[in-house]
Amino acid sequence: LKNKPVVVLSNNDGCAVARSEEAKALGVKMGEPWFQFKRLAEKHNIII
């Protein structure tokens, strides 16, 4: 997982509660619901 975009989701896989620097650079916001950045994750191979 090192040097790759990684996002940790909250309870029930709801929203982003932690982001790697790589994921932040791609535009994933803290607290953003998973369904809102799902396409972004698929496009840039963000690891969930």
ModelCIF file with pLDDT and N, C-alpha, C, O atoms, coordinates in Angstrom:
data_MODEL
#
_entry.id   MODEL 
#
_entity.id                         1 
_entity.type                       polymer 
_entity.pdbx_number_of_molecules   1 
#
_entity_poly.entity_id                      1 
_entity_poly.type                           'polypeptide(L)' 
_entity_poly.nstd_linkage                   no 
_entity_poly.nstd_monomer                   no 
_entity_poly.pdbx_seq_one_letter_code       LKNKPVVVLSNNDGCAVARSEEAKALGVKMGEPWFQFKRLAEKHNIII 
_entity_poly.pdbx_seq_one_letter_code_can   LKNKPVVVLSNNDGCAVARSEEAKALGVKMGEPWFQFKRLAEKHNIII 
_entity_poly.pdbx_strand_id                 A 
#
loop_
_entity_poly_seq.entity_id 
_entity_poly_seq.num 
_entity_poly_seq.mon_id 
_entity_poly_seq.hetero 
1 1  LEU n 
1 2  LYS n 
1 3  ASN n 
1 4  LYS n 
1 5  PRO n 
1 6  VAL n 
1 7  VAL n 
1 8  VAL n 
1 9  LEU n 
1 10 SER n 
1 11 ASN n 
1 12 ASN n 
1 13 ASP n 
1 14 GLY n 
1 15 CYS n 
1 16 ALA n 
1 17 VAL n 
1 18 ALA n 
1 19 ARG n 
1 20 SER n 
1 21 GLU n 
1 22 GLU n 
1 23 ALA n 
1 24 LYS n 
1 25 ALA n 
1 26 LEU n 
1 27 GLY n 
1 28 VAL n 
1 29 LYS n 
1 30 MET n 
1 31 GLY n 
1 32 GLU n 
1 33 PRO n 
1 34 TRP n 
1 35 PHE n 
1 36 GLN n 
1 37 PHE n 
1 38 LYS n 
1 39 ARG n 
1 40 LEU n 
1 41 ALA n 
1 42 GLU n 
1 43 LYS n 
1 44 HIS n 
1 45 ASN n 
1 46 ILE n 
1 47 ILE n 
1 48 ILE n 
#
_struct_asym.id          A 
_struct_asym.entity_id   1 
#
loop_
_ma_qa_metric.id 
_ma_qa_metric.mode 
_ma_qa_metric.name 
_ma_qa_metric.software_group_id 
_ma_qa_metric.type 
1 global pLDDT . pLDDT 
2 local  pLDDT . pLDDT 
#
_ma_qa_metric_global.metric_id      1 
_ma_qa_metric_global.metric_value   91.15 
_ma_qa_metric_global.model_id       1 
_ma_qa_metric_global.ordinal_id     1 
#
loop_
_ma_qa_metric_local.label_asym_id 
_ma_qa_metric_local.label_comp_id 
_ma_qa_metric_local.label_seq_id 
_ma_qa_metric_local.metric_id 
_ma_qa_metric_local.metric_value 
_ma_qa_metric_local.model_id 
_ma_qa_metric_local.ordinal_id 
A LEU 1  2 94.00 1 1  
A LYS 2  2 93.00 1 2  
A ASN 3  2 93.00 1 3  
A LYS 4  2 95.00 1 4  
A PRO 5  2 95.00 1 5  
A VAL 6  2 95.00 1 6  
A VAL 7  2 94.00 1 7  
A VAL 8  2 93.00 1 8  
A LEU 9  2 91.00 1 9  
A SER 10 2 84.00 1 10 
A ASN 11 2 76.00 1 11 
A ASN 12 2 73.00 1 12 
A ASP 13 2 76.00 1 13 
A GLY 14 2 78.00 1 14 
A CYS 15 2 87.00 1 15 
A ALA 16 2 92.00 1 16 
A VAL 17 2 92.00 1 17 
A ALA 18 2 94.00 1 18 
A ARG 19 2 95.00 1 19 
A SER 20 2 94.00 1 20 
A GLU 21 2 94.00 1 21 
A GLU 22 2 95.00 1 22 
A ALA 23 2 94.00 1 23 
A LYS 24 2 94.00 1 24 
A ALA 25 2 94.00 1 25 
A LEU 26 2 94.00 1 26 
A GLY 27 2 93.00 1 27 
A VAL 28 2 93.00 1 28 
A LYS 29 2 93.00 1 29 
A MET 30 2 92.00 1 30 
A GLY 31 2 89.00 1 31 
A GLU 32 2 91.00 1 32 
A PRO 33 2 88.00 1 33 
A TRP 34 2 88.00 1 34 
A PHE 35 2 87.00 1 35 
A GLN 36 2 90.00 1 36 
A PHE 37 2 93.00 1 37 
A LYS 38 2 92.00 1 38 
A ARG 39 2 94.00 1 39 
A LEU 40 2 94.00 1 40 
A ALA 41 2 93.00 1 41 
A GLU 42 2 93.00 1 42 
A LYS 43 2 94.00 1 43 
A HIS 44 2 94.00 1 44 
A ASN 45 2 94.00 1 45 
A ILE 46 2 94.00 1 46 
A ILE 47 2 94.00 1 47 
A ILE 48 2 93.00 1 48 
#
loop_
_atom_site.group_PDB 
_atom_site.id 
_atom_site.type_symbol 
_atom_site.label_atom_id 
_atom_site.label_alt_id 
_atom_site.label_comp_id 
_atom_site.label_asym_id 
_atom_site.label_entity_id 
_atom_site.label_seq_id 
_atom_site.pdbx_PDB_ins_code 
_atom_site.Cartn_x 
_atom_site.Cartn_y 
_atom_site.Cartn_z 
_atom_site.occupancy 
_atom_site.B_iso_or_equiv 
_atom_site.pdbx_formal_charge 
_atom_site.auth_seq_id 
_atom_site.auth_comp_id 
_atom_site.auth_asym_id 
_atom_site.auth_atom_id 
_atom_site.pdbx_PDB_model_num 
ATOM 1   N N  . LEU A 1 1  ? 0.807   -1.220 0.000   1.00 94.00 ? 1  LEU A N  1 
ATOM 2   C CA . LEU A 1 1  ? 0.000   0.000  0.000   1.00 94.00 ? 1  LEU A CA 1 
ATOM 3   C C  . LEU A 1 1  ? 0.840   1.271  0.000   1.00 94.00 ? 1  LEU A C  1 
ATOM 4   O O  . LEU A 1 1  ? 0.312   2.360  -0.224  1.00 94.00 ? 1  LEU A O  1 
ATOM 5   N N  . LYS A 1 2  ? 2.140   1.147  0.248   1.00 93.00 ? 2  LYS A N  1 
ATOM 6   C CA . LYS A 1 2  ? 3.004   2.316  0.310   1.00 93.00 ? 2  LYS A CA 1 
ATOM 7   C C  . LYS A 1 2  ? 3.085   3.006  -1.054  1.00 93.00 ? 2  LYS A C  1 
ATOM 8   O O  . LYS A 1 2  ? 3.165   2.356  -2.097  1.00 93.00 ? 2  LYS A O  1 
ATOM 9   N N  . ASN A 1 3  ? 3.062   4.342  -1.016  1.00 93.00 ? 3  ASN A N  1 
ATOM 10  C CA . ASN A 1 3  ? 3.155   5.195  -2.206  1.00 93.00 ? 3  ASN A CA 1 
ATOM 11  C C  . ASN A 1 3  ? 1.955   5.048  -3.143  1.00 93.00 ? 3  ASN A C  1 
ATOM 12  O O  . ASN A 1 3  ? 2.005   5.484  -4.293  1.00 93.00 ? 3  ASN A O  1 
ATOM 13  N N  . LYS A 1 4  ? 0.884   4.438  -2.654  1.00 95.00 ? 4  LYS A N  1 
ATOM 14  C CA . LYS A 1 4  ? -0.343  4.300  -3.444  1.00 95.00 ? 4  LYS A CA 1 
ATOM 15  C C  . LYS A 1 4  ? -1.489  5.054  -2.769  1.00 95.00 ? 4  LYS A C  1 
ATOM 16  O O  . LYS A 1 4  ? -1.495  5.210  -1.548  1.00 95.00 ? 4  LYS A O  1 
ATOM 17  N N  . PRO A 1 5  ? -2.457  5.522  -3.559  1.00 95.00 ? 5  PRO A N  1 
ATOM 18  C CA . PRO A 1 5  ? -3.607  6.221  -2.957  1.00 95.00 ? 5  PRO A CA 1 
ATOM 19  C C  . PRO A 1 5  ? -4.473  5.245  -2.156  1.00 95.00 ? 5  PRO A C  1 
ATOM 20  O O  . PRO A 1 5  ? -4.978  4.261  -2.697  1.00 95.00 ? 5  PRO A O  1 
ATOM 21  N N  . VAL A 1 6  ? -4.636  5.530  -0.864  1.00 95.00 ? 6  VAL A N  1 
ATOM 22  C CA . VAL A 1 6  ? -5.395  4.665  0.040   1.00 95.00 ? 6  VAL A CA 1 
ATOM 23  C C  . VAL A 1 6  ? -6.393  5.507  0.823   1.00 95.00 ? 6  VAL A C  1 
ATOM 24  O O  . VAL A 1 6  ? -6.064  6.592  1.301   1.00 95.00 ? 6  VAL A O  1 
ATOM 25  N N  . VAL A 1 7  ? -7.617  4.996  0.951   1.00 94.00 ? 7  VAL A N  1 
ATOM 26  C CA . VAL A 1 7  ? -8.651  5.654  1.741   1.00 94.00 ? 7  VAL A CA 1 
ATOM 27  C C  . VAL A 1 7  ? -9.251  4.638  2.710   1.00 94.00 ? 7  VAL A C  1 
ATOM 28  O O  . VAL A 1 7  ? -9.614  3.530  2.315   1.00 94.00 ? 7  VAL A O  1 
ATOM 29  N N  . VAL A 1 8  ? -9.350  5.025  3.975   1.00 93.00 ? 8  VAL A N  1 
ATOM 30  C CA . VAL A 1 8  ? -10.033 4.209  4.978   1.00 93.00 ? 8  VAL A CA 1 
ATOM 31  C C  . VAL A 1 8  ? -11.428 4.779  5.184   1.00 93.00 ? 8  VAL A C  1 
ATOM 32  O O  . VAL A 1 8  ? -11.593 5.979  5.404   1.00 93.00 ? 8  VAL A O  1 
ATOM 33  N N  . LEU A 1 9  ? -12.438 3.900  5.111   1.00 91.00 ? 9  LEU A N  1 
ATOM 34  C CA . LEU A 1 9  ? -13.828 4.323  5.242   1.00 91.00 ? 9  LEU A CA 1 
ATOM 35  C C  . LEU A 1 9  ? -14.312 4.176  6.682   1.00 91.00 ? 9  LEU A C  1 
ATOM 36  O O  . LEU A 1 9  ? -13.756 3.401  7.461   1.00 91.00 ? 9  LEU A O  1 
ATOM 37  N N  . SER A 1 10 ? -15.333 4.911  7.017   1.00 84.00 ? 10 SER A N  1 
ATOM 38  C CA . SER A 1 10 ? -15.924 4.883  8.348   1.00 84.00 ? 10 SER A CA 1 
ATOM 39  C C  . SER A 1 10 ? -16.749 3.621  8.548   1.00 84.00 ? 10 SER A C  1 
ATOM 40  O O  . SER A 1 10 ? -16.798 2.752  7.678   1.00 84.00 ? 10 SER A O  1 
ATOM 41  N N  . ASN A 1 11 ? -17.401 3.533  9.715   1.00 76.00 ? 11 ASN A N  1 
ATOM 42  C CA . ASN A 1 11 ? -18.319 2.429  9.984   1.00 76.00 ? 11 ASN A CA 1 
ATOM 43  C C  . ASN A 1 11 ? -19.294 2.249  8.832   1.00 76.00 ? 11 ASN A C  1 
ATOM 44  O O  . ASN A 1 11 ? -19.803 3.212  8.258   1.00 76.00 ? 11 ASN A O  1 
ATOM 45  N N  . ASN A 1 12 ? -19.535 0.985  8.515   1.00 73.00 ? 12 ASN A N  1 
ATOM 46  C CA . ASN A 1 12 ? -20.489 0.649  7.458   1.00 73.00 ? 12 ASN A CA 1 
ATOM 47  C C  . ASN A 1 12 ? -20.016 1.105  6.081   1.00 73.00 ? 12 ASN A C  1 
ATOM 48  O O  . ASN A 1 12 ? -20.814 1.250  5.155   1.00 73.00 ? 12 ASN A O  1 
ATOM 49  N N  . ASP A 1 13 ? -18.686 1.332  5.955   1.00 76.00 ? 13 ASP A N  1 
ATOM 50  C CA . ASP A 1 13 ? -18.114 1.777  4.676   1.00 76.00 ? 13 ASP A CA 1 
ATOM 51  C C  . ASP A 1 13 ? -18.824 3.020  4.150   1.00 76.00 ? 13 ASP A C  1 
ATOM 52  O O  . ASP A 1 13 ? -19.161 3.111  2.969   1.00 76.00 ? 13 ASP A O  1 
ATOM 53  N N  . GLY A 1 14 ? -19.044 3.974  5.051   1.00 78.00 ? 14 GLY A N  1 
ATOM 54  C CA . GLY A 1 14 ? -19.847 5.141  4.693   1.00 78.00 ? 14 GLY A CA 1 
ATOM 55  C C  . GLY A 1 14 ? -19.077 6.267  4.020   1.00 78.00 ? 14 GLY A C  1 
ATOM 56  O O  . GLY A 1 14 ? -19.389 6.642  2.890   1.00 78.00 ? 14 GLY A O  1 
ATOM 57  N N  . CYS A 1 15 ? -18.060 6.816  4.711   1.00 87.00 ? 15 CYS A N  1 
ATOM 58  C CA . CYS A 1 15 ? -17.347 7.969  4.177   1.00 87.00 ? 15 CYS A CA 1 
ATOM 59  C C  . CYS A 1 15 ? -15.866 7.905  4.542   1.00 87.00 ? 15 CYS A C  1 
ATOM 60  O O  . CYS A 1 15 ? -15.456 7.089  5.367   1.00 87.00 ? 15 CYS A O  1 
ATOM 61  N N  . ALA A 1 16 ? -15.071 8.770  3.921   1.00 92.00 ? 16 ALA A N  1 
ATOM 62  C CA . ALA A 1 16 ? -13.620 8.764  4.118   1.00 92.00 ? 16 ALA A CA 1 
ATOM 63  C C  . ALA A 1 16 ? -13.262 9.339  5.491   1.00 92.00 ? 16 ALA A C  1 
ATOM 64  O O  . ALA A 1 16 ? -13.631 10.468 5.812   1.00 92.00 ? 16 ALA A O  1 
ATOM 65  N N  . VAL A 1 17 ? -12.537 8.551  6.300   1.00 92.00 ? 17 VAL A N  1 
ATOM 66  C CA . VAL A 1 17 ? -12.083 9.032  7.604   1.00 92.00 ? 17 VAL A CA 1 
ATOM 67  C C  . VAL A 1 17 ? -10.564 9.121  7.682   1.00 92.00 ? 17 VAL A C  1 
ATOM 68  O O  . VAL A 1 17 ? -10.023 9.654  8.650   1.00 92.00 ? 17 VAL A O  1 
ATOM 69  N N  . ALA A 1 18 ? -9.877  8.606  6.676   1.00 94.00 ? 18 ALA A N  1 
ATOM 70  C CA . ALA A 1 18 ? -8.419  8.734  6.599   1.00 94.00 ? 18 ALA A CA 1 
ATOM 71  C C  . ALA A 1 18 ? -8.004  8.602  5.143   1.00 94.00 ? 18 ALA A C  1 
ATOM 72  O O  . ALA A 1 18 ? -8.548  7.788  4.397   1.00 94.00 ? 18 ALA A O  1 
ATOM 73  N N  . ARG A 1 19 ? -7.020  9.425  4.749   1.00 95.00 ? 19 ARG A N  1 
ATOM 74  C CA . ARG A 1 19 ? -6.565  9.430  3.353   1.00 95.00 ? 19 ARG A CA 1 
ATOM 75  C C  . ARG A 1 19 ? -5.042  9.501  3.309   1.00 95.00 ? 19 ARG A C  1 
ATOM 76  O O  . ARG A 1 19 ? -4.424  10.237 4.078   1.00 95.00 ? 19 ARG A O  1 
ATOM 77  N N  . SER A 1 20 ? -4.458  8.748  2.426   1.00 94.00 ? 20 SER A N  1 
ATOM 78  C CA . SER A 1 20 ? -3.029  8.900  2.199   1.00 94.00 ? 20 SER A CA 1 
ATOM 79  C C  . SER A 1 20 ? -2.782  10.204 1.451   1.00 94.00 ? 20 SER A C  1 
ATOM 80  O O  . SER A 1 20 ? -3.705  10.783 0.877   1.00 94.00 ? 20 SER A O  1 
ATOM 81  N N  . GLU A 1 21 ? -1.535  10.662 1.461   1.00 94.00 ? 21 GLU A N  1 
ATOM 82  C CA . GLU A 1 21 ? -1.211  11.900 0.750   1.00 94.00 ? 21 GLU A CA 1 
ATOM 83  C C  . GLU A 1 21 ? -1.530  11.769 -0.733  1.00 94.00 ? 21 GLU A C  1 
ATOM 84  O O  . GLU A 1 21 ? -1.935  12.742 -1.370  1.00 94.00 ? 21 GLU A O  1 
ATOM 85  N N  . GLU A 1 22 ? -1.351  10.577 -1.282  1.00 95.00 ? 22 GLU A N  1 
ATOM 86  C CA . GLU A 1 22 ? -1.649  10.333 -2.695  1.00 95.00 ? 22 GLU A CA 1 
ATOM 87  C C  . GLU A 1 22 ? -3.142  10.474 -2.980  1.00 95.00 ? 22 GLU A C  1 
ATOM 88  O O  . GLU A 1 22 ? -3.532  10.996 -4.025  1.00 95.00 ? 22 GLU A O  1 
ATOM 89  N N  . ALA A 1 23 ? -3.985  10.004 -2.041  1.00 94.00 ? 23 ALA A N  1 
ATOM 90  C CA . ALA A 1 23 ? -5.436  10.124 -2.199  1.00 94.00 ? 23 ALA A CA 1 
ATOM 91  C C  . ALA A 1 23 ? -5.885  11.573 -2.053  1.00 94.00 ? 23 ALA A C  1 
ATOM 92  O O  . ALA A 1 23 ? -6.791  12.019 -2.757  1.00 94.00 ? 23 ALA A O  1 
ATOM 93  N N  . LYS A 1 24 ? -5.257  12.302 -1.146  1.00 94.00 ? 24 LYS A N  1 
ATOM 94  C CA . LYS A 1 24 ? -5.567  13.725 -0.988  1.00 94.00 ? 24 LYS A CA 1 
ATOM 95  C C  . LYS A 1 24 ? -5.265  14.483 -2.279  1.00 94.00 ? 24 LYS A C  1 
ATOM 96  O O  . LYS A 1 24 ? -6.035  15.348 -2.695  1.00 94.00 ? 24 LYS A O  1 
ATOM 97  N N  . ALA A 1 25 ? -4.127  14.149 -2.913  1.00 94.00 ? 25 ALA A N  1 
ATOM 98  C CA . ALA A 1 25 ? -3.722  14.819 -4.147  1.00 94.00 ? 25 ALA A CA 1 
ATOM 99  C C  . ALA A 1 25 ? -4.712  14.567 -5.288  1.00 94.00 ? 25 ALA A C  1 
ATOM 100 O O  . ALA A 1 25 ? -4.838  15.389 -6.196  1.00 94.00 ? 25 ALA A O  1 
ATOM 101 N N  . LEU A 1 26 ? -5.405  13.440 -5.239  1.00 94.00 ? 26 LEU A N  1 
ATOM 102 C CA . LEU A 1 26 ? -6.397  13.113 -6.269  1.00 94.00 ? 26 LEU A CA 1 
ATOM 103 C C  . LEU A 1 26 ? -7.745  13.792 -6.020  1.00 94.00 ? 26 LEU A C  1 
ATOM 104 O O  . LEU A 1 26 ? -8.635  13.734 -6.868  1.00 94.00 ? 26 LEU A O  1 
ATOM 105 N N  . GLY A 1 27 ? -7.895  14.433 -4.865  1.00 93.00 ? 27 GLY A N  1 
ATOM 106 C CA . GLY A 1 27 ? -9.109  15.202 -4.610  1.00 93.00 ? 27 GLY A CA 1 
ATOM 107 C C  . GLY A 1 27 ? -10.104 14.574 -3.656  1.00 93.00 ? 27 GLY A C  1 
ATOM 108 O O  . GLY A 1 27 ? -11.212 15.089 -3.508  1.00 93.00 ? 27 GLY A O  1 
ATOM 109 N N  . VAL A 1 28 ? -9.741  13.462 -2.994  1.00 93.00 ? 28 VAL A N  1 
ATOM 110 C CA . VAL A 1 28 ? -10.646 12.854 -2.023  1.00 93.00 ? 28 VAL A CA 1 
ATOM 111 C C  . VAL A 1 28 ? -10.680 13.723 -0.765  1.00 93.00 ? 28 VAL A C  1 
ATOM 112 O O  . VAL A 1 28 ? -9.638  14.005 -0.173  1.00 93.00 ? 28 VAL A O  1 
ATOM 113 N N  . LYS A 1 29 ? -11.863 14.141 -0.365  1.00 93.00 ? 29 LYS A N  1 
ATOM 114 C CA . LYS A 1 29 ? -12.021 15.035 0.780   1.00 93.00 ? 29 LYS A CA 1 
ATOM 115 C C  . LYS A 1 29 ? -12.337 14.257 2.050   1.00 93.00 ? 29 LYS A C  1 
ATOM 116 O O  . LYS A 1 29 ? -12.953 13.192 2.002   1.00 93.00 ? 29 LYS A O  1 
ATOM 117 N N  . MET A 1 30 ? -11.914 14.794 3.174   1.00 92.00 ? 30 MET A N  1 
ATOM 118 C CA . MET A 1 30 ? -12.224 14.182 4.459   1.00 92.00 ? 30 MET A CA 1 
ATOM 119 C C  . MET A 1 30 ? -13.731 14.210 4.697   1.00 92.00 ? 30 MET A C  1 
ATOM 120 O O  . MET A 1 30 ? -14.377 15.246 4.540   1.00 92.00 ? 30 MET A O  1 
ATOM 121 N N  . GLY A 1 31 ? -14.282 13.053 5.079   1.00 89.00 ? 31 GLY A N  1 
ATOM 122 C CA . GLY A 1 31 ? -15.708 12.953 5.340   1.00 89.00 ? 31 GLY A CA 1 
ATOM 123 C C  . GLY A 1 31 ? -16.574 12.785 4.101   1.00 89.00 ? 31 GLY A C  1 
ATOM 124 O O  . GLY A 1 31 ? -17.799 12.729 4.210   1.00 89.00 ? 31 GLY A O  1 
ATOM 125 N N  . GLU A 1 32 ? -15.959 12.704 2.926   1.00 91.00 ? 32 GLU A N  1 
ATOM 126 C CA . GLU A 1 32 ? -16.726 12.551 1.680   1.00 91.00 ? 32 GLU A CA 1 
ATOM 127 C C  . GLU A 1 32 ? -17.344 11.160 1.614   1.00 91.00 ? 32 GLU A C  1 
ATOM 128 O O  . GLU A 1 32 ? -16.644 10.167 1.814   1.00 91.00 ? 32 GLU A O  1 
ATOM 129 N N  . PRO A 1 33 ? -18.657 11.070 1.336   1.00 88.00 ? 33 PRO A N  1 
ATOM 130 C CA . PRO A 1 33 ? -19.305 9.753  1.232   1.00 88.00 ? 33 PRO A CA 1 
ATOM 131 C C  . PRO A 1 33 ? -18.700 8.905  0.130   1.00 88.00 ? 33 PRO A C  1 
ATOM 132 O O  . PRO A 1 33 ? -18.299 9.424  -0.911  1.00 88.00 ? 33 PRO A O  1 
ATOM 133 N N  . TRP A 1 34 ? -18.632 7.601  0.358   1.00 88.00 ? 34 TRP A N  1 
ATOM 134 C CA . TRP A 1 34 ? -18.023 6.673  -0.575  1.00 88.00 ? 34 TRP A CA 1 
ATOM 135 C C  . TRP A 1 34 ? -18.701 6.721  -1.936  1.00 88.00 ? 34 TRP A C  1 
ATOM 136 O O  . TRP A 1 34 ? -18.024 6.668  -2.963  1.00 88.00 ? 34 TRP A O  1 
ATOM 137 N N  . PHE A 1 35 ? -20.021 6.820  -1.959  1.00 87.00 ? 35 PHE A N  1 
ATOM 138 C CA . PHE A 1 35 ? -20.715 6.800  -3.243  1.00 87.00 ? 35 PHE A CA 1 
ATOM 139 C C  . PHE A 1 35 ? -20.368 8.023  -4.100  1.00 87.00 ? 35 PHE A C  1 
ATOM 140 O O  . PHE A 1 35 ? -20.502 7.980  -5.323  1.00 87.00 ? 35 PHE A O  1 
ATOM 141 N N  . GLN A 1 36 ? -19.927 9.108  -3.466  1.00 90.00 ? 36 GLN A N  1 
ATOM 142 C CA . GLN A 1 36 ? -19.603 10.313 -4.217  1.00 90.00 ? 36 GLN A CA 1 
ATOM 143 C C  . GLN A 1 36 ? -18.239 10.244 -4.904  1.00 90.00 ? 36 GLN A C  1 
ATOM 144 O O  . GLN A 1 36 ? -18.063 10.843 -5.965  1.00 90.00 ? 36 GLN A O  1 
ATOM 145 N N  . PHE A 1 37 ? -17.265 9.524  -4.322  1.00 93.00 ? 37 PHE A N  1 
ATOM 146 C CA . PHE A 1 37 ? -15.959 9.440  -4.971  1.00 93.00 ? 37 PHE A CA 1 
ATOM 147 C C  . PHE A 1 37 ? -15.645 8.038  -5.493  1.00 93.00 ? 37 PHE A C  1 
ATOM 148 O O  . PHE A 1 37 ? -14.493 7.728  -5.797  1.00 93.00 ? 37 PHE A O  1 
ATOM 149 N N  . LYS A 1 38 ? -16.683 7.184  -5.598  1.00 92.00 ? 38 LYS A N  1 
ATOM 150 C CA . LYS A 1 38 ? -16.495 5.827  -6.091  1.00 92.00 ? 38 LYS A CA 1 
ATOM 151 C C  . LYS A 1 38 ? -15.934 5.812  -7.514  1.00 92.00 ? 38 LYS A C  1 
ATOM 152 O O  . LYS A 1 38 ? -15.026 5.037  -7.814  1.00 92.00 ? 38 LYS A O  1 
ATOM 153 N N  . ARG A 1 39 ? -16.469 6.665  -8.392  1.00 94.00 ? 39 ARG A N  1 
ATOM 154 C CA . ARG A 1 39 ? -15.968 6.727  -9.774  1.00 94.00 ? 39 ARG A CA 1 
ATOM 155 C C  . ARG A 1 39 ? -14.527 7.207  -9.814  1.00 94.00 ? 39 ARG A C  1 
ATOM 156 O O  . ARG A 1 39 ? -13.720 6.702  -10.594 1.00 94.00 ? 39 ARG A O  1 
ATOM 157 N N  . LEU A 1 40 ? -14.202 8.187  -8.971  1.00 94.00 ? 40 LEU A N  1 
ATOM 158 C CA . LEU A 1 40 ? -12.828 8.681  -8.890  1.00 94.00 ? 40 LEU A CA 1 
ATOM 159 C C  . LEU A 1 40 ? -11.891 7.568  -8.442  1.00 94.00 ? 40 LEU A C  1 
ATOM 160 O O  . LEU A 1 40 ? -10.782 7.435  -8.960  1.00 94.00 ? 40 LEU A O  1 
ATOM 161 N N  . ALA A 1 41 ? -12.341 6.771  -7.477  1.00 93.00 ? 41 ALA A N  1 
ATOM 162 C CA . ALA A 1 41 ? -11.536 5.659  -6.976  1.00 93.00 ? 41 ALA A CA 1 
ATOM 163 C C  . ALA A 1 41 ? -11.287 4.619  -8.069  1.00 93.00 ? 41 ALA A C  1 
ATOM 164 O O  . ALA A 1 41 ? -10.172 4.113  -8.202  1.00 93.00 ? 41 ALA A O  1 
ATOM 165 N N  . GLU A 1 42 ? -12.309 4.304  -8.842  1.00 93.00 ? 42 GLU A N  1 
ATOM 166 C CA . GLU A 1 42 ? -12.175 3.339  -9.925  1.00 93.00 ? 42 GLU A CA 1 
ATOM 167 C C  . GLU A 1 42 ? -11.244 3.855  -11.015 1.00 93.00 ? 42 GLU A C  1 
ATOM 168 O O  . GLU A 1 42 ? -10.473 3.087  -11.591 1.00 93.00 ? 42 GLU A O  1 
ATOM 169 N N  . LYS A 1 43 ? -11.313 5.146  -11.298 1.00 94.00 ? 43 LYS A N  1 
ATOM 170 C CA . LYS A 1 43 ? -10.501 5.753  -12.352 1.00 94.00 ? 43 LYS A CA 1 
ATOM 171 C C  . LYS A 1 43 ? -9.022  5.757  -12.004 1.00 94.00 ? 43 LYS A C  1 
ATOM 172 O O  . LYS A 1 43 ? -8.179  5.504  -12.865 1.00 94.00 ? 43 LYS A O  1 
ATOM 173 N N  . HIS A 1 44 ? -8.702  6.045  -10.744 1.00 94.00 ? 44 HIS A N  1 
ATOM 174 C CA . HIS A 1 44 ? -7.314  6.205  -10.331 1.00 94.00 ? 44 HIS A CA 1 
ATOM 175 C C  . HIS A 1 44 ? -6.801  5.049  -9.466  1.00 94.00 ? 44 HIS A C  1 
ATOM 176 O O  . HIS A 1 44 ? -5.738  5.149  -8.854  1.00 94.00 ? 44 HIS A O  1 
ATOM 177 N N  . ASN A 1 45 ? -7.566  3.951  -9.423  1.00 94.00 ? 45 ASN A N  1 
ATOM 178 C CA . ASN A 1 45 ? -7.156  2.761  -8.668  1.00 94.00 ? 45 ASN A CA 1 
ATOM 179 C C  . ASN A 1 45 ? -6.875  3.080  -7.192  1.00 94.00 ? 45 ASN A C  1 
ATOM 180 O O  . ASN A 1 45 ? -5.889  2.618  -6.618  1.00 94.00 ? 45 ASN A O  1 
ATOM 181 N N  . ILE A 1 46 ? -7.752  3.867  -6.606  1.00 94.00 ? 46 ILE A N  1 
ATOM 182 C CA . ILE A 1 46 ? -7.636  4.165  -5.183  1.00 94.00 ? 46 ILE A CA 1 
ATOM 183 C C  . ILE A 1 46 ? -8.011  2.916  -4.391  1.00 94.00 ? 46 ILE A C  1 
ATOM 184 O O  . ILE A 1 46 ? -9.060  2.318  -4.627  1.00 94.00 ? 46 ILE A O  1 
ATOM 185 N N  . ILE A 1 47 ? -7.157  2.525  -3.455  1.00 94.00 ? 47 ILE A N  1 
ATOM 186 C CA . ILE A 1 47 ? -7.394  1.331  -2.645  1.00 94.00 ? 47 ILE A CA 1 
ATOM 187 C C  . ILE A 1 47 ? -8.277  1.690  -1.452  1.00 94.00 ? 47 ILE A C  1 
ATOM 188 O O  . ILE A 1 47 ? -7.979  2.628  -0.712  1.00 94.00 ? 47 ILE A O  1 
ATOM 189 N N  . ILE A 1 48 ? -9.348  0.950  -1.273  1.00 93.00 ? 48 ILE A N  1 
ATOM 190 C CA . ILE A 1 48 ? -10.327 1.221  -0.219  1.00 93.00 ? 48 ILE A CA 1 
ATOM 191 C C  . ILE A 1 48 ? -10.187 0.195  0.901   1.00 93.00 ? 48 ILE A C  1 
ATOM 192 O O  . ILE A 1 48 ? -10.925 0.251  1.885   1.00 93.00 ? 48 ILE A O  1 
#
